[in-house]
Amino acid sequence: MARDSKDQIRQRIHTRIRRRVAGTAGRPRLAVFRSVKHIYAQVIDDSSSHTLTAASSAEKSAPVGKTGGNVAGAKAIGKLVAERAKEKGIKAVVFDRGGYHYHGRVKALADAAREAGLEF
């Protein structure tokens, strides 16, 4: 019997989370994707399948150093996505951790977005 890879396990957990977590026009979903080098955050309205705003450490204009693969980079992206969401009039979101543990970079991004004014 073959073992599932870490990503397959994460995908299965994310699918289970997504059964309950859905973004609406009034309260969109803040989705996080974490890679080894970068971190990405999107604010999504699932009712219209539309990304309202996004931020990532892979952007040229991102306020991170060389990498978003650390907690400091995640904090910067959390603050940036919150500022962009507030510019579009979004105050409250539901948080989608993407199947990752709520720890480290994912937690840092969420905390920074809260501090910048997004309501979870």
PDB file of N, CA and C in Angstrom:
ATOM      1  N   MET A   1       0.839  -1.176   0.000  1.00  0.00           N
ATOM      2  CA  MET A   1       0.000   0.000   0.000  1.00  0.00           C
ATOM      3  C   MET A   1       0.889   1.246   0.000  1.00  0.00           C
ATOM      4  N   ALA A   2       0.695   2.105  -0.976  1.00  0.00           N
ATOM      5  CA  ALA A   2       1.510   3.308  -1.108  1.00  0.00           C
ATOM      6  C   ALA A   2       1.063   4.371  -0.108  1.00  0.00           C
ATOM      7  N   ARG A   3       2.024   5.100   0.397  1.00  0.00           N
ATOM      8  CA  ARG A   3       1.713   6.185   1.327  1.00  0.00           C
ATOM      9  C   ARG A   3       1.430   7.459   0.549  1.00  0.00           C
ATOM     10  N   ASP A   4       0.517   8.264   1.062  1.00  0.00           N
ATOM     11  CA  ASP A   4       0.217   9.549   0.443  1.00  0.00           C
ATOM     12  C   ASP A   4       1.341  10.536   0.736  1.00  0.00           C
ATOM     13  N   SER A   5       1.620  11.410  -0.215  1.00  0.00           N
ATOM     14  CA  SER A   5       2.624  12.439   0.009  1.00  0.00           C
ATOM     15  C   SER A   5       2.040  13.509   0.939  1.00  0.00           C
ATOM     16  N   LYS A   6       2.914  14.362   1.452  1.00  0.00           N
ATOM     17  CA  LYS A   6       2.450  15.430   2.340  1.00  0.00           C
ATOM     18  C   LYS A   6       1.460  16.334   1.617  1.00  0.00           C
ATOM     19  N   ASP A   7       1.704  16.598   0.323  1.00  0.00           N
ATOM     20  CA  ASP A   7       0.804  17.476  -0.419  1.00  0.00           C
ATOM     21  C   ASP A   7      -0.551  16.823  -0.646  1.00  0.00           C
ATOM     22  N   GLN A   8      -0.586  15.507  -0.875  1.00  0.00           N
ATOM     23  CA  GLN A   8      -1.864  14.815  -1.040  1.00  0.00           C
ATOM     24  C   GLN A   8      -2.669  14.871   0.250  1.00  0.00           C
ATOM     25  N   ILE A   9      -2.005  14.718   1.373  1.00  0.00           N
ATOM     26  CA  ILE A   9      -2.674  14.794   2.673  1.00  0.00           C
ATOM     27  C   ILE A   9      -3.214  16.210   2.883  1.00  0.00           C
ATOM     28  N   ARG A  10      -2.393  17.233   2.568  1.00  0.00           N
ATOM     29  CA  ARG A  10      -2.825  18.623   2.712  1.00  0.00           C
ATOM     30  C   ARG A  10      -4.022  18.914   1.815  1.00  0.00           C
ATOM     31  N   GLN A  11      -4.006  18.410   0.582  1.00  0.00           N
ATOM     32  CA  GLN A  11      -5.121  18.617  -0.345  1.00  0.00           C
ATOM     33  C   GLN A  11      -6.408  18.011   0.211  1.00  0.00           C
ATOM     34  N   ARG A  12      -6.305  16.833   0.806  1.00  0.00           N
ATOM     35  CA  ARG A  12      -7.473  16.168   1.379  1.00  0.00           C
ATOM     36  C   ARG A  12      -8.024  16.985   2.552  1.00  0.00           C
ATOM     37  N   ILE A  13      -7.143  17.506   3.398  1.00  0.00           N
ATOM     38  CA  ILE A  13      -7.570  18.330   4.527  1.00  0.00           C
ATOM     39  C   ILE A  13      -8.214  19.614   4.009  1.00  0.00           C
ATOM     40  N   HIS A  14      -7.604  20.215   2.965  1.00  0.00           N
ATOM     41  CA  HIS A  14      -8.140  21.453   2.400  1.00  0.00           C
ATOM     42  C   HIS A  14      -9.537  21.226   1.816  1.00  0.00           C
ATOM     43  N   THR A  15      -9.750  20.118   1.154  1.00  0.00           N
ATOM     44  CA  THR A  15     -11.073  19.787   0.617  1.00  0.00           C
ATOM     45  C   THR A  15     -12.099  19.687   1.740  1.00  0.00           C
ATOM     46  N   ARG A  16     -11.690  19.078   2.839  1.00  0.00           N
ATOM     47  CA  ARG A  16     -12.588  18.940   3.986  1.00  0.00           C
ATOM     48  C   ARG A  16     -12.923  20.314   4.582  1.00  0.00           C
ATOM     49  N   ILE A  17     -11.930  21.190   4.663  1.00  0.00           N
ATOM     50  CA  ILE A  17     -12.152  22.540   5.178  1.00  0.00           C
ATOM     51  C   ILE A  17     -13.095  23.310   4.264  1.00  0.00           C
ATOM     52  N   ARG A  18     -12.893  23.168   2.944  1.00  0.00           N
ATOM     53  CA  ARG A  18     -13.673  23.926   1.964  1.00  0.00           C
ATOM     54  C   ARG A  18     -15.146  23.538   1.931  1.00  0.00           C
ATOM     55  N   ARG A  19     -15.487  22.384   2.466  1.00  0.00           N
ATOM     56  CA  ARG A  19     -16.901  22.015   2.570  1.00  0.00           C
ATOM     57  C   ARG A  19     -17.635  22.986   3.476  1.00  0.00           C
ATOM     58  N   ARG A  20     -16.934  23.510   4.477  1.00  0.00           N
ATOM     59  CA  ARG A  20     -17.548  24.399   5.456  1.00  0.00           C
ATOM     60  C   ARG A  20     -17.250  25.875   5.202  1.00  0.00           C
ATOM     61  N   VAL A  21     -16.084  26.179   4.660  1.00  0.00           N
ATOM     62  CA  VAL A  21     -15.649  27.566   4.503  1.00  0.00           C
ATOM     63  C   VAL A  21     -15.901  28.025   3.075  1.00  0.00           C
ATOM     64  N   ALA A  22     -16.751  29.044   2.933  1.00  0.00           N
ATOM     65  CA  ALA A  22     -17.025  29.610   1.610  1.00  0.00           C
ATOM     66  C   ALA A  22     -17.121  31.128   1.739  1.00  0.00           C
ATOM     67  N   GLY A  23     -16.568  31.813   0.756  1.00  0.00           N
ATOM     68  CA  GLY A  23     -16.595  33.264   0.761  1.00  0.00           C
ATOM     69  C   GLY A  23     -17.804  33.797   0.009  1.00  0.00           C
ATOM     70  N   THR A  24     -18.398  34.843   0.530  1.00  0.00           N
ATOM     71  CA  THR A  24     -19.532  35.495  -0.129  1.00  0.00           C
ATOM     72  C   THR A  24     -19.107  36.917  -0.492  1.00  0.00           C
ATOM     73  N   ALA A  25     -19.988  37.637  -1.172  1.00  0.00           N
ATOM     74  CA  ALA A  25     -19.672  39.016  -1.537  1.00  0.00           C
ATOM     75  C   ALA A  25     -19.495  39.869  -0.280  1.00  0.00           C
ATOM     76  N   GLY A  26     -20.310  39.605   0.744  1.00  0.00           N
ATOM     77  CA  GLY A  26     -20.230  40.371   1.988  1.00  0.00           C
ATOM     78  C   GLY A  26     -19.083  39.964   2.879  1.00  0.00           C
ATOM     79  N   ARG A  27     -18.686  38.702   2.815  1.00  0.00           N
ATOM     80  CA  ARG A  27     -17.597  38.189   3.647  1.00  0.00           C
ATOM     81  C   ARG A  27     -16.784  37.194   2.820  1.00  0.00           C
ATOM     82  N   PRO A  28     -15.842  37.700   2.008  1.00  0.00           N
ATOM     83  CA  PRO A  28     -15.059  36.810   1.146  1.00  0.00           C
ATOM     84  C   PRO A  28     -14.073  35.950   1.929  1.00  0.00           C
ATOM     85  N   ARG A  29     -13.473  35.015   1.229  1.00  0.00           N
ATOM     86  CA  ARG A  29     -12.552  34.049   1.832  1.00  0.00           C
ATOM     87  C   ARG A  29     -11.118  34.514   1.612  1.00  0.00           C
ATOM     88  N   LEU A  30     -10.321  34.525   2.681  1.00  0.00           N
ATOM     89  CA  LEU A  30      -8.893  34.816   2.593  1.00  0.00           C
ATOM     90  C   LEU A  30      -8.161  33.487   2.533  1.00  0.00           C
ATOM     91  N   ALA A  31      -7.718  33.114   1.330  1.00  0.00           N
ATOM     92  CA  ALA A  31      -7.064  31.822   1.108  1.00  0.00           C
ATOM     93  C   ALA A  31      -5.552  31.999   1.108  1.00  0.00           C
ATOM     94  N   VAL A  32      -4.857  31.063   1.748  1.00  0.00           N
ATOM     95  CA  VAL A  32      -3.403  31.111   1.857  1.00  0.00           C
ATOM     96  C   VAL A  32      -2.801  29.909   1.146  1.00  0.00           C
ATOM     97  N   PHE A  33      -1.742  30.165   0.369  1.00  0.00           N
ATOM     98  CA  PHE A  33      -0.940  29.083  -0.206  1.00  0.00           C
ATOM     99  C   PHE A  33       0.499  29.339   0.188  1.00  0.00           C
ATOM    100  N   ARG A  34       1.151  28.280   0.647  1.00  0.00           N
ATOM    101  CA  ARG A  34       2.512  28.388   1.152  1.00  0.00           C
ATOM    102  C   ARG A  34       3.402  27.476   0.330  1.00  0.00           C
ATOM    103  N   SER A  35       4.461  28.011  -0.241  1.00  0.00           N
ATOM    104  CA  SER A  35       5.451  27.159  -0.894  1.00  0.00           C
ATOM    105  C   SER A  35       6.739  27.289  -0.087  1.00  0.00           C
ATOM    106  N   VAL A  36       7.766  26.610  -0.507  1.00  0.00           N
ATOM    107  CA  VAL A  36       9.021  26.656   0.236  1.00  0.00           C
ATOM    108  C   VAL A  36       9.608  28.063   0.201  1.00  0.00           C
ATOM    109  N   LYS A  37       9.560  28.709  -0.970  1.00  0.00           N
ATOM    110  CA  LYS A  37      10.185  30.017  -1.144  1.00  0.00           C
ATOM    111  C   LYS A  37       9.257  31.206  -0.934  1.00  0.00           C
ATOM    112  N   HIS A  38       7.970  31.034  -1.167  1.00  0.00           N
ATOM    113  CA  HIS A  38       7.045  32.161  -1.164  1.00  0.00           C
ATOM    114  C   HIS A  38       5.764  31.852  -0.406  1.00  0.00           C
ATOM    115  N   ILE A  39       4.967  32.911  -0.178  1.00  0.00           N
ATOM    116  CA  ILE A  39       3.645  32.762   0.421  1.00  0.00           C
ATOM    117  C   ILE A  39       2.681  33.640  -0.371  1.00  0.00           C
ATOM    118  N   TYR A  40       1.482  33.139  -0.592  1.00  0.00           N
ATOM    119  CA  TYR A  40       0.492  33.809  -1.420  1.00  0.00           C
ATOM    120  C   TYR A  40      -0.803  33.921  -0.627  1.00  0.00           C
ATOM    121  N   ALA A  41      -1.522  35.039  -0.811  1.00  0.00           N
ATOM    122  CA  ALA A  41      -2.813  35.238  -0.161  1.00  0.00           C
ATOM    123  C   ALA A  41      -3.779  35.842  -1.171  1.00  0.00           C
ATOM    124  N   GLN A  42      -4.997  35.311  -1.212  1.00  0.00           N
ATOM    125  CA  GLN A  42      -6.027  35.818  -2.113  1.00  0.00           C
ATOM    126  C   GLN A  42      -7.310  36.042  -1.326  1.00  0.00           C
ATOM    127  N   VAL A  43      -8.033  37.094  -1.687  1.00  0.00           N
ATOM    128  CA  VAL A  43      -9.362  37.341  -1.130  1.00  0.00           C
ATOM    129  C   VAL A  43     -10.350  36.982  -2.236  1.00  0.00           C
ATOM    130  N   ILE A  44     -11.176  35.962  -1.989  1.00  0.00           N
ATOM    131  CA  ILE A  44     -11.994  35.359  -3.030  1.00  0.00           C
ATOM    132  C   ILE A  44     -13.478  35.413  -2.673  1.00  0.00           C
ATOM    133  N   ASP A  45     -14.298  35.807  -3.663  1.00  0.00           N
ATOM    134  CA  ASP A  45     -15.752  35.722  -3.555  1.00  0.00           C
ATOM    135  C   ASP A  45     -16.163  34.432  -4.257  1.00  0.00           C
ATOM    136  N   ASP A  46     -16.491  33.393  -3.482  1.00  0.00           N
ATOM    137  CA  ASP A  46     -16.814  32.087  -4.065  1.00  0.00           C
ATOM    138  C   ASP A  46     -18.169  32.066  -4.760  1.00  0.00           C
ATOM    139  N   SER A  47     -19.075  32.952  -4.379  1.00  0.00           N
ATOM    140  CA  SER A  47     -20.391  32.947  -5.017  1.00  0.00           C
ATOM    141  C   SER A  47     -20.301  33.357  -6.484  1.00  0.00           C
ATOM    142  N   SER A  48     -19.322  34.203  -6.828  1.00  0.00           N
ATOM    143  CA  SER A  48     -19.132  34.592  -8.227  1.00  0.00           C
ATOM    144  C   SER A  48     -17.826  34.040  -8.796  1.00  0.00           C
ATOM    145  N   SER A  49     -17.130  33.205  -8.021  1.00  0.00           N
ATOM    146  CA  SER A  49     -15.843  32.617  -8.435  1.00  0.00           C
ATOM    147  C   SER A  49     -14.884  33.693  -8.937  1.00  0.00           C
ATOM    148  N   HIS A  50     -14.698  34.736  -8.126  1.00  0.00           N
ATOM    149  CA  HIS A  50     -13.897  35.879  -8.542  1.00  0.00           C
ATOM    150  C   HIS A  50     -12.885  36.237  -7.456  1.00  0.00           C
ATOM    151  N   THR A  51     -11.623  36.403  -7.846  1.00  0.00           N
ATOM    152  CA  THR A  51     -10.602  36.863  -6.919  1.00  0.00           C
ATOM    153  C   THR A  51     -10.698  38.373  -6.821  1.00  0.00           C
ATOM    154  N   LEU A  52     -10.942  38.891  -5.629  1.00  0.00           N
ATOM    155  CA  LEU A  52     -11.122  40.324  -5.438  1.00  0.00           C
ATOM    156  C   LEU A  52      -9.786  41.052  -5.310  1.00  0.00           C
ATOM    157  N   THR A  53      -8.855  40.462  -4.586  1.00  0.00           N
ATOM    158  CA  THR A  53      -7.515  41.023  -4.463  1.00  0.00           C
ATOM    159  C   THR A  53      -6.555  39.921  -4.044  1.00  0.00           C
ATOM    160  N   ALA A  54      -5.292  40.165  -4.267  1.00  0.00           N
ATOM    161  CA  ALA A  54      -4.280  39.160  -3.932  1.00  0.00           C
ATOM    162  C   ALA A  54      -2.959  39.840  -3.610  1.00  0.00           C
ATOM    163  N   ALA A  55      -2.099  39.111  -2.927  1.00  0.00           N
ATOM    164  CA  ALA A  55      -0.741  39.579  -2.642  1.00  0.00           C
ATOM    165  C   ALA A  55       0.151  38.360  -2.509  1.00  0.00           C
ATOM    166  N   SER A  56       1.389  38.503  -2.938  1.00  0.00           N
ATOM    167  CA  SER A  56       2.324  37.388  -2.779  1.00  0.00           C
ATOM    168  C   SER A  56       3.736  37.913  -2.635  1.00  0.00           C
ATOM    169  N   SER A  57       4.570  37.093  -2.043  1.00  0.00           N
ATOM    170  CA  SER A  57       5.964  37.467  -1.867  1.00  0.00           C
ATOM    171  C   SER A  57       6.735  37.324  -3.177  1.00  0.00           C
ATOM    172  N   ALA A  58       6.120  36.732  -4.193  1.00  0.00           N
ATOM    173  CA  ALA A  58       6.777  36.572  -5.489  1.00  0.00           C
ATOM    174  C   ALA A  58       6.646  37.821  -6.356  1.00  0.00           C
ATOM    175  N   GLU A  59       5.807  38.788  -5.951  1.00  0.00           N
ATOM    176  CA  GLU A  59       5.642  40.031  -6.709  1.00  0.00           C
ATOM    177  C   GLU A  59       6.926  40.849  -6.646  1.00  0.00           C
ATOM    178  N   LYS A  60       7.200  41.580  -7.711  1.00  0.00           N
ATOM    179  CA  LYS A  60       8.378  42.459  -7.727  1.00  0.00           C
ATOM    180  C   LYS A  60       8.241  43.576  -6.694  1.00  0.00           C
ATOM    181  N   SER A  61       7.000  44.061  -6.492  1.00  0.00           N
ATOM    182  CA  SER A  61       6.777  45.176  -5.574  1.00  0.00           C
ATOM    183  C   SER A  61       6.507  44.724  -4.138  1.00  0.00           C
ATOM    184  N   ALA A  62       6.660  43.437  -3.855  1.00  0.00           N
ATOM    185  CA  ALA A  62       6.370  42.921  -2.511  1.00  0.00           C
ATOM    186  C   ALA A  62       7.349  43.504  -1.495  1.00  0.00           C
ATOM    187  N   PRO A  63       6.853  43.863  -0.309  1.00  0.00           N
ATOM    188  CA  PRO A  63       7.703  44.490   0.704  1.00  0.00           C
ATOM    189  C   PRO A  63       8.509  43.484   1.528  1.00  0.00           C
ATOM    190  N   VAL A  64       8.926  42.386   0.912  1.00  0.00           N
ATOM    191  CA  VAL A  64       9.728  41.387   1.630  1.00  0.00           C
ATOM    192  C   VAL A  64      11.145  41.439   1.097  1.00  0.00           C
ATOM    193  N   GLY A  65      12.050  40.844   1.813  1.00  0.00           N
ATOM    194  CA  GLY A  65      13.437  40.818   1.365  1.00  0.00           C
ATOM    195  C   GLY A  65      13.608  39.880   0.185  1.00  0.00           C
ATOM    196  N   LYS A  66      14.531  38.956   0.297  1.00  0.00           N
ATOM    197  CA  LYS A  66      14.781  38.028  -0.793  1.00  0.00           C
ATOM    198  C   LYS A  66      13.707  36.959  -0.903  1.00  0.00           C
ATOM    199  N   THR A  67      13.074  36.639   0.211  1.00  0.00           N
ATOM    200  CA  THR A  67      12.151  35.506   0.210  1.00  0.00           C
ATOM    201  C   THR A  67      10.926  35.768   1.079  1.00  0.00           C
ATOM    202  N   GLY A  68       9.854  35.087   0.744  1.00  0.00           N
ATOM    203  CA  GLY A  68       8.673  35.105   1.586  1.00  0.00           C
ATOM    204  C   GLY A  68       8.592  33.816   2.366  1.00  0.00           C
ATOM    205  N   GLY A  69       9.671  33.066   2.358  1.00  0.00           N
ATOM    206  CA  GLY A  69       9.708  31.766   3.015  1.00  0.00           C
ATOM    207  C   GLY A  69      10.033  31.849   4.486  1.00  0.00           C
ATOM    208  N   ASN A  70       9.741  32.997   5.105  1.00  0.00           N
ATOM    209  CA  ASN A  70       9.971  33.115   6.539  1.00  0.00           C
ATOM    210  C   ASN A  70       8.817  33.902   7.173  1.00  0.00           C
ATOM    211  N   VAL A  71       8.809  33.969   8.480  1.00  0.00           N
ATOM    212  CA  VAL A  71       7.709  34.599   9.206  1.00  0.00           C
ATOM    213  C   VAL A  71       7.636  36.098   8.907  1.00  0.00           C
ATOM    214  N   ALA A  72       8.779  36.752   8.770  1.00  0.00           N
ATOM    215  CA  ALA A  72       8.790  38.187   8.479  1.00  0.00           C
ATOM    216  C   ALA A  72       8.146  38.465   7.119  1.00  0.00           C
ATOM    217  N   GLY A  73       8.430  37.637   6.141  1.00  0.00           N
ATOM    218  CA  GLY A  73       7.816  37.786   4.819  1.00  0.00           C
ATOM    219  C   GLY A  73       6.321  37.556   4.867  1.00  0.00           C
ATOM    220  N   ALA A  74       5.891  36.585   5.649  1.00  0.00           N
ATOM    221  CA  ALA A  74       4.464  36.286   5.781  1.00  0.00           C
ATOM    222  C   ALA A  74       3.728  37.449   6.440  1.00  0.00           C
ATOM    223  N   LYS A  75       4.355  38.074   7.441  1.00  0.00           N
ATOM    224  CA  LYS A  75       3.744  39.235   8.093  1.00  0.00           C
ATOM    225  C   LYS A  75       3.562  40.374   7.100  1.00  0.00           C
ATOM    226  N   ALA A  76       4.564  40.596   6.270  1.00  0.00           N
ATOM    227  CA  ALA A  76       4.495  41.679   5.282  1.00  0.00           C
ATOM    228  C   ALA A  76       3.375  41.428   4.276  1.00  0.00           C
ATOM    229  N   ILE A  77       3.208  40.186   3.852  1.00  0.00           N
ATOM    230  CA  ILE A  77       2.169  39.847   2.880  1.00  0.00           C
ATOM    231  C   ILE A  77       0.789  39.933   3.535  1.00  0.00           C
ATOM    232  N   GLY A  78       0.668  39.537   4.789  1.00  0.00           N
ATOM    233  CA  GLY A  78      -0.601  39.669   5.513  1.00  0.00           C
ATOM    234  C   GLY A  78      -1.038  41.117   5.607  1.00  0.00           C
ATOM    235  N   LYS A  79      -0.103  41.993   5.925  1.00  0.00           N
ATOM    236  CA  LYS A  79      -0.402  43.423   6.007  1.00  0.00           C
ATOM    237  C   LYS A  79      -0.777  43.976   4.637  1.00  0.00           C
ATOM    238  N   LEU A  80      -0.048  43.567   3.599  1.00  0.00           N
ATOM    239  CA  LEU A  80      -0.297  44.054   2.240  1.00  0.00           C
ATOM    240  C   LEU A  80      -1.672  43.621   1.721  1.00  0.00           C
ATOM    241  N   VAL A  81      -2.033  42.349   1.932  1.00  0.00           N
ATOM    242  CA  VAL A  81      -3.335  41.875   1.441  1.00  0.00           C
ATOM    243  C   VAL A  81      -4.476  42.556   2.201  1.00  0.00           C
ATOM    244  N   ALA A  82      -4.271  42.832   3.480  1.00  0.00           N
ATOM    245  CA  ALA A  82      -5.300  43.530   4.264  1.00  0.00           C
ATOM    246  C   ALA A  82      -5.481  44.963   3.764  1.00  0.00           C
ATOM    247  N   GLU A  83      -4.383  45.640   3.459  1.00  0.00           N
ATOM    248  CA  GLU A  83      -4.471  47.007   2.945  1.00  0.00           C
ATOM    249  C   GLU A  83      -5.186  47.039   1.599  1.00  0.00           C
ATOM    250  N   ARG A  84      -4.858  46.088   0.726  1.00  0.00           N
ATOM    251  CA  ARG A  84      -5.504  46.015  -0.584  1.00  0.00           C
ATOM    252  C   ARG A  84      -6.992  45.702  -0.457  1.00  0.00           C
ATOM    253  N   ALA A  85      -7.334  44.845   0.499  1.00  0.00           N
ATOM    254  CA  ALA A  85      -8.743  44.502   0.711  1.00  0.00           C
ATOM    255  C   ALA A  85      -9.511  45.718   1.240  1.00  0.00           C
ATOM    256  N   LYS A  86      -8.908  46.449   2.166  1.00  0.00           N
ATOM    257  CA  LYS A  86      -9.569  47.631   2.722  1.00  0.00           C
ATOM    258  C   LYS A  86      -9.777  48.700   1.654  1.00  0.00           C
ATOM    259  N   GLU A  87      -8.837  48.823   0.699  1.00  0.00           N
ATOM    260  CA  GLU A  87      -8.999  49.766  -0.412  1.00  0.00           C
ATOM    261  C   GLU A  87     -10.229  49.434  -1.248  1.00  0.00           C
ATOM    262  N   LYS A  88     -10.555  48.132  -1.324  1.00  0.00           N
ATOM    263  CA  LYS A  88     -11.723  47.691  -2.098  1.00  0.00           C
ATOM    264  C   LYS A  88     -12.987  47.660  -1.244  1.00  0.00           C
ATOM    265  N   GLY A  89     -12.887  48.093   0.000  1.00  0.00           N
ATOM    266  CA  GLY A  89     -14.063  48.161   0.868  1.00  0.00           C
ATOM    267  C   GLY A  89     -14.376  46.868   1.595  1.00  0.00           C
ATOM    268  N   ILE A  90     -13.432  45.952   1.671  1.00  0.00           N
ATOM    269  CA  ILE A  90     -13.633  44.671   2.361  1.00  0.00           C
ATOM    270  C   ILE A  90     -13.137  44.811   3.789  1.00  0.00           C
ATOM    271  N   LYS A  91     -14.029  44.559   4.749  1.00  0.00           N
ATOM    272  CA  LYS A  91     -13.660  44.700   6.160  1.00  0.00           C
ATOM    273  C   LYS A  91     -13.577  43.358   6.869  1.00  0.00           C
ATOM    274  N   ALA A  92     -14.436  42.405   6.453  1.00  0.00           N
ATOM    275  CA  ALA A  92     -14.506  41.113   7.136  1.00  0.00           C
ATOM    276  C   ALA A  92     -14.287  39.979   6.143  1.00  0.00           C
ATOM    277  N   VAL A  93     -13.540  38.966   6.560  1.00  0.00           N
ATOM    278  CA  VAL A  93     -13.260  37.798   5.728  1.00  0.00           C
ATOM    279  C   VAL A  93     -13.386  36.528   6.564  1.00  0.00           C
ATOM    280  N   VAL A  94     -13.485  35.396   5.875  1.00  0.00           N
ATOM    281  CA  VAL A  94     -13.351  34.102   6.545  1.00  0.00           C
ATOM    282  C   VAL A  94     -11.970  33.575   6.158  1.00  0.00           C
ATOM    283  N   PHE A  95     -11.271  32.976   7.099  1.00  0.00           N
ATOM    284  CA  PHE A  95      -9.892  32.554   6.869  1.00  0.00           C
ATOM    285  C   PHE A  95      -9.847  31.103   6.420  1.00  0.00           C
ATOM    286  N   ASP A  96      -9.147  30.853   5.325  1.00  0.00           N
ATOM    287  CA  ASP A  96      -8.954  29.509   4.785  1.00  0.00           C
ATOM    288  C   ASP A  96      -7.463  29.200   4.849  1.00  0.00           C
ATOM    289  N   ARG A  97      -7.079  28.345   5.780  1.00  0.00           N
ATOM    290  CA  ARG A  97      -5.670  28.054   5.988  1.00  0.00           C
ATOM    291  C   ARG A  97      -5.098  27.111   4.930  1.00  0.00           C
ATOM    292  N   GLY A  98      -5.919  26.642   4.020  1.00  0.00           N
ATOM    293  CA  GLY A  98      -5.439  25.856   2.884  1.00  0.00           C
ATOM    294  C   GLY A  98      -4.937  24.469   3.222  1.00  0.00           C
ATOM    295  N   GLY A  99      -5.362  23.929   4.345  1.00  0.00           N
ATOM    296  CA  GLY A  99      -4.917  22.593   4.730  1.00  0.00           C
ATOM    297  C   GLY A  99      -3.618  22.595   5.510  1.00  0.00           C
ATOM    298  N   TYR A 100      -3.026  23.766   5.694  1.00  0.00           N
ATOM    299  CA  TYR A 100      -1.791  23.872   6.470  1.00  0.00           C
ATOM    300  C   TYR A 100      -2.142  24.008   7.944  1.00  0.00           C
ATOM    301  N   HIS A 101      -1.196  23.652   8.803  1.00  0.00           N
ATOM    302  CA  HIS A 101      -1.388  23.859  10.234  1.00  0.00           C
ATOM    303  C   HIS A 101      -1.417  25.352  10.507  1.00  0.00           C
ATOM    304  N   TYR A 102      -2.261  25.775  11.439  1.00  0.00           N
ATOM    305  CA  TYR A 102      -2.319  27.189  11.820  1.00  0.00           C
ATOM    306  C   TYR A 102      -1.146  27.454  12.752  1.00  0.00           C
ATOM    307  N   HIS A 103       0.024  27.682  12.142  1.00  0.00           N
ATOM    308  CA  HIS A 103       1.265  27.786  12.886  1.00  0.00           C
ATOM    309  C   HIS A 103       2.298  28.435  11.979  1.00  0.00           C
ATOM    310  N   GLY A 104       3.270  29.093  12.537  1.00  0.00           N
ATOM    311  CA  GLY A 104       4.367  29.631  11.746  1.00  0.00           C
ATOM    312  C   GLY A 104       3.942  30.707  10.766  1.00  0.00           C
ATOM    313  N   ARG A 105       4.260  30.498   9.482  1.00  0.00           N
ATOM    314  CA  ARG A 105       3.996  31.515   8.460  1.00  0.00           C
ATOM    315  C   ARG A 105       2.510  31.769   8.248  1.00  0.00           C
ATOM    316  N   VAL A 106       1.696  30.715   8.319  1.00  0.00           N
ATOM    317  CA  VAL A 106       0.250  30.875   8.119  1.00  0.00           C
ATOM    318  C   VAL A 106      -0.339  31.719   9.254  1.00  0.00           C
ATOM    319  N   LYS A 107       0.057  31.440  10.469  1.00  0.00           N
ATOM    320  CA  LYS A 107      -0.421  32.203  11.630  1.00  0.00           C
ATOM    321  C   LYS A 107       0.088  33.641  11.570  1.00  0.00           C
ATOM    322  N   ALA A 108       1.333  33.840  11.159  1.00  0.00           N
ATOM    323  CA  ALA A 108       1.907  35.187  11.062  1.00  0.00           C
ATOM    324  C   ALA A 108       1.147  36.026  10.047  1.00  0.00           C
ATOM    325  N   LEU A 109       0.800  35.420   8.902  1.00  0.00           N
ATOM    326  CA  LEU A 109       0.032  36.130   7.877  1.00  0.00           C
ATOM    327  C   LEU A 109      -1.338  36.526   8.426  1.00  0.00           C
ATOM    328  N   ALA A 110      -2.007  35.605   9.096  1.00  0.00           N
ATOM    329  CA  ALA A 110      -3.338  35.879   9.650  1.00  0.00           C
ATOM    330  C   ALA A 110      -3.277  36.968  10.717  1.00  0.00           C
ATOM    331  N   ASP A 111      -2.307  36.902  11.602  1.00  0.00           N
ATOM    332  CA  ASP A 111      -2.174  37.902  12.665  1.00  0.00           C
ATOM    333  C   ASP A 111      -1.890  39.294  12.083  1.00  0.00           C
ATOM    334  N   ALA A 112      -1.027  39.354  11.065  1.00  0.00           N
ATOM    335  CA  ALA A 112      -0.705  40.637  10.437  1.00  0.00           C
ATOM    336  C   ALA A 112      -1.920  41.225   9.724  1.00  0.00           C
ATOM    337  N   ALA A 113      -2.718  40.372   9.099  1.00  0.00           N
ATOM    338  CA  ALA A 113      -3.936  40.851   8.418  1.00  0.00           C
ATOM    339  C   ALA A 113      -4.933  41.387   9.447  1.00  0.00           C
ATOM    340  N   ARG A 114      -5.040  40.718  10.594  1.00  0.00           N
ATOM    341  CA  ARG A 114      -5.918  41.200  11.667  1.00  0.00           C
ATOM    342  C   ARG A 114      -5.450  42.548  12.188  1.00  0.00           C
ATOM    343  N   GLU A 115      -4.144  42.670  12.431  1.00  0.00           N
ATOM    344  CA  GLU A 115      -3.589  43.920  12.950  1.00  0.00           C
ATOM    345  C   GLU A 115      -3.786  45.068  11.969  1.00  0.00           C
ATOM    346  N   ALA A 116      -3.786  44.756  10.663  1.00  0.00           N
ATOM    347  CA  ALA A 116      -3.957  45.784   9.633  1.00  0.00           C
ATOM    348  C   ALA A 116      -5.422  46.153   9.432  1.00  0.00           C
ATOM    349  N   GLY A 117      -6.335  45.495  10.155  1.00  0.00           N
ATOM    350  CA  GLY A 117      -7.724  45.919  10.141  1.00  0.00           C
ATOM    351  C   GLY A 117      -8.746  44.951   9.566  1.00  0.00           C
ATOM    352  N   LEU A 118      -8.328  43.774   9.102  1.00  0.00           N
ATOM    353  CA  LEU A 118      -9.314  42.797   8.606  1.00  0.00           C
ATOM    354  C   LEU A 118      -9.936  42.069   9.792  1.00  0.00           C
ATOM    355  N   GLU A 119     -11.228  41.813   9.694  1.00  0.00           N
ATOM    356  CA  GLU A 119     -11.951  41.090  10.743  1.00  0.00           C
ATOM    357  C   GLU A 119     -12.121  39.641  10.311  1.00  0.00           C
ATOM    358  N   PHE A 120     -11.780  38.696  11.176  1.00  0.00           N
ATOM    359  CA  PHE A 120     -11.944  37.280  10.877  1.00  0.00           C
ATOM    360  C   PHE A 120     -13.158  36.758  11.612  1.00  0.00           C
TER     361      PHE A 120
END
